[in-house]
Protein backbone atom coordinates (compact mmCIF):
# COMPACT_ATOMS: atom_id res chain seq x y z
CA MET A 1 0.05 -0.38 -0.13
CA ARG A 2 2.51 2.34 1.10
CA GLU A 3 4.33 2.25 -2.53
CA TYR A 4 1.40 2.27 -4.51
CA GLU A 5 0.16 5.42 -2.21
CA ARG A 6 3.99 7.14 -3.22
CA GLU A 7 2.91 6.23 -6.65
CA LEU A 8 0.11 8.14 -6.60
CA GLY A 9 1.64 11.28 -4.42
CA ALA A 10 4.54 11.23 -7.31
CA HIS A 11 2.22 11.88 -9.79
CA PHE A 12 0.19 14.93 -7.88
CA LEU A 13 3.38 16.66 -7.37
CA GLU A 14 4.94 16.03 -11.22
CA SER A 15 1.74 17.07 -12.26
CA LEU A 16 0.59 19.80 -9.83
CA PRO A 17 -0.84 22.27 -12.48
CA ASP A 18 1.23 25.96 -12.69
CA ASN A 19 -1.32 27.92 -10.33
CA VAL A 20 -0.70 25.78 -7.42
CA GLU A 21 2.02 26.90 -4.72
CA LEU A 22 3.24 24.12 -2.91
CA TYR A 23 4.63 24.34 0.57
CA GLY A 24 7.53 20.96 1.71
CA LEU A 25 9.33 18.54 -0.42
CA ALA A 26 8.39 18.76 -3.82
CA THR A 27 8.85 15.42 -4.55
CA MET A 28 8.27 12.19 -2.23
CA ASP A 29 11.37 11.24 -1.04
CA GLY A 30 11.31 11.67 2.93
CA ARG A 31 7.49 13.22 2.80
CA VAL A 32 3.81 11.11 3.28
CA PRO A 33 1.04 12.00 0.10
CA THR A 34 -0.40 14.86 2.52
CA PHE A 35 0.14 18.42 0.28
CA LEU A 36 0.13 21.37 1.93
CA PHE A 37 -0.55 24.59 -0.95
CA ASN A 38 -2.31 27.25 -2.08
CA VAL A 39 -4.28 28.13 -5.68
CA ASP A 40 -2.75 31.69 -6.38
CA GLY A 41 -5.57 34.40 -6.67
CA VAL A 42 -8.65 31.83 -5.31
CA PRO A 43 -8.82 32.05 -0.93
CA ALA A 44 -7.52 28.71 0.61
CA ALA A 45 -11.72 28.49 2.18
CA ALA A 46 -13.17 29.92 -1.41
CA ALA A 47 -10.60 27.05 -3.11
CA ALA A 48 -11.65 24.58 -0.48
CA GLN A 49 -15.27 25.02 -0.29
CA ARG A 50 -15.63 24.59 -4.49
CA LEU A 51 -13.41 21.65 -4.25
CA VAL A 52 -15.11 19.54 -2.03
CA ALA A 53 -18.79 20.52 -3.69
CA GLU A 54 -16.92 18.28 -6.62
CA GLY A 55 -16.63 15.80 -4.30
CA PHE A 56 -12.28 16.02 -3.57
CA GLY A 57 -11.38 15.64 0.12
CA VAL A 58 -9.65 19.12 1.09
CA TRP A 59 -9.49 20.64 3.73
CA ASN A 60 -8.82 24.40 4.69
CA ALA A 61 -7.30 25.73 7.62
CA GLY A 62 -4.33 27.80 9.59
CA ASN A 63 -1.50 26.43 11.19
CA TRP A 64 -2.69 22.71 11.01
CA TYR A 65 -2.18 22.22 14.60
CA CYS A 66 1.83 22.54 14.10
CA VAL A 67 3.00 25.26 16.31
CA ALA A 68 6.35 25.69 14.52
CA LEU A 69 4.91 26.78 11.27
CA ALA A 70 2.35 29.62 12.43
CA GLY A 71 3.73 32.54 10.69
CA ARG A 72 6.48 31.33 7.81
CA LEU A 73 3.00 29.80 5.97
CA PRO A 74 0.42 31.88 4.70
CA GLU A 75 -2.76 31.96 7.78
CA GLU A 76 -4.69 30.06 5.14
CA SER A 77 -3.90 26.87 2.99
CA LEU A 78 -5.66 23.89 1.48
CA ARG A 79 -4.55 20.22 2.45
CA ALA A 80 -4.81 17.28 0.77
CA GLY A 81 -3.81 13.97 1.57
CA ILE A 82 -3.89 10.86 -0.92
CA ALA A 83 -4.12 7.04 0.86
CA HIS A 84 -4.15 3.58 -0.71
CA TYR A 85 -8.08 4.06 -1.51
CA ASN A 86 -7.54 6.49 -4.21
CA THR A 87 -7.20 5.88 -7.77
CA ARG A 88 -5.30 7.78 -9.99
CA GLY A 89 -8.12 8.90 -12.24
CA GLU A 90 -9.32 10.73 -8.95
CA VAL A 91 -5.87 12.07 -8.91
CA ASP A 92 -6.24 13.53 -11.91
CA GLY A 93 -9.76 15.11 -11.53
CA LEU A 94 -7.83 17.04 -8.23
CA LEU A 95 -5.55 18.68 -10.57
CA GLU A 96 -8.15 19.15 -12.82
CA ALA A 97 -9.72 21.27 -11.04
CA LEU A 98 -7.42 22.43 -9.42
CA ALA A 99 -6.51 23.92 -12.86
CA SER A 100 -9.76 25.31 -13.37
CA LEU A 101 -10.01 27.33 -10.33
CA SER A 102 -8.11 30.32 -11.02
């Protein structure tokens, strides 16, 4: 399962649209397939609402319970995680939806 999740995570990272700003490592080396990001020109709460309405499991919040991140990242951001029950088609759908947001 771990290798499958890493493959999906790598695909997500390699295919991120230009309008997405990723926070953290841009490869799967040293990370799990959980991603923190923002979409250029779209407030995180609005982006989350639109993506959730399309059936994607994304969340928006502040420091994500990590006090060390406070002040280092934008006050609001989006979080998406990929798990063993996700498909490549679902990842592609999320990537397409992200690209269409701005």
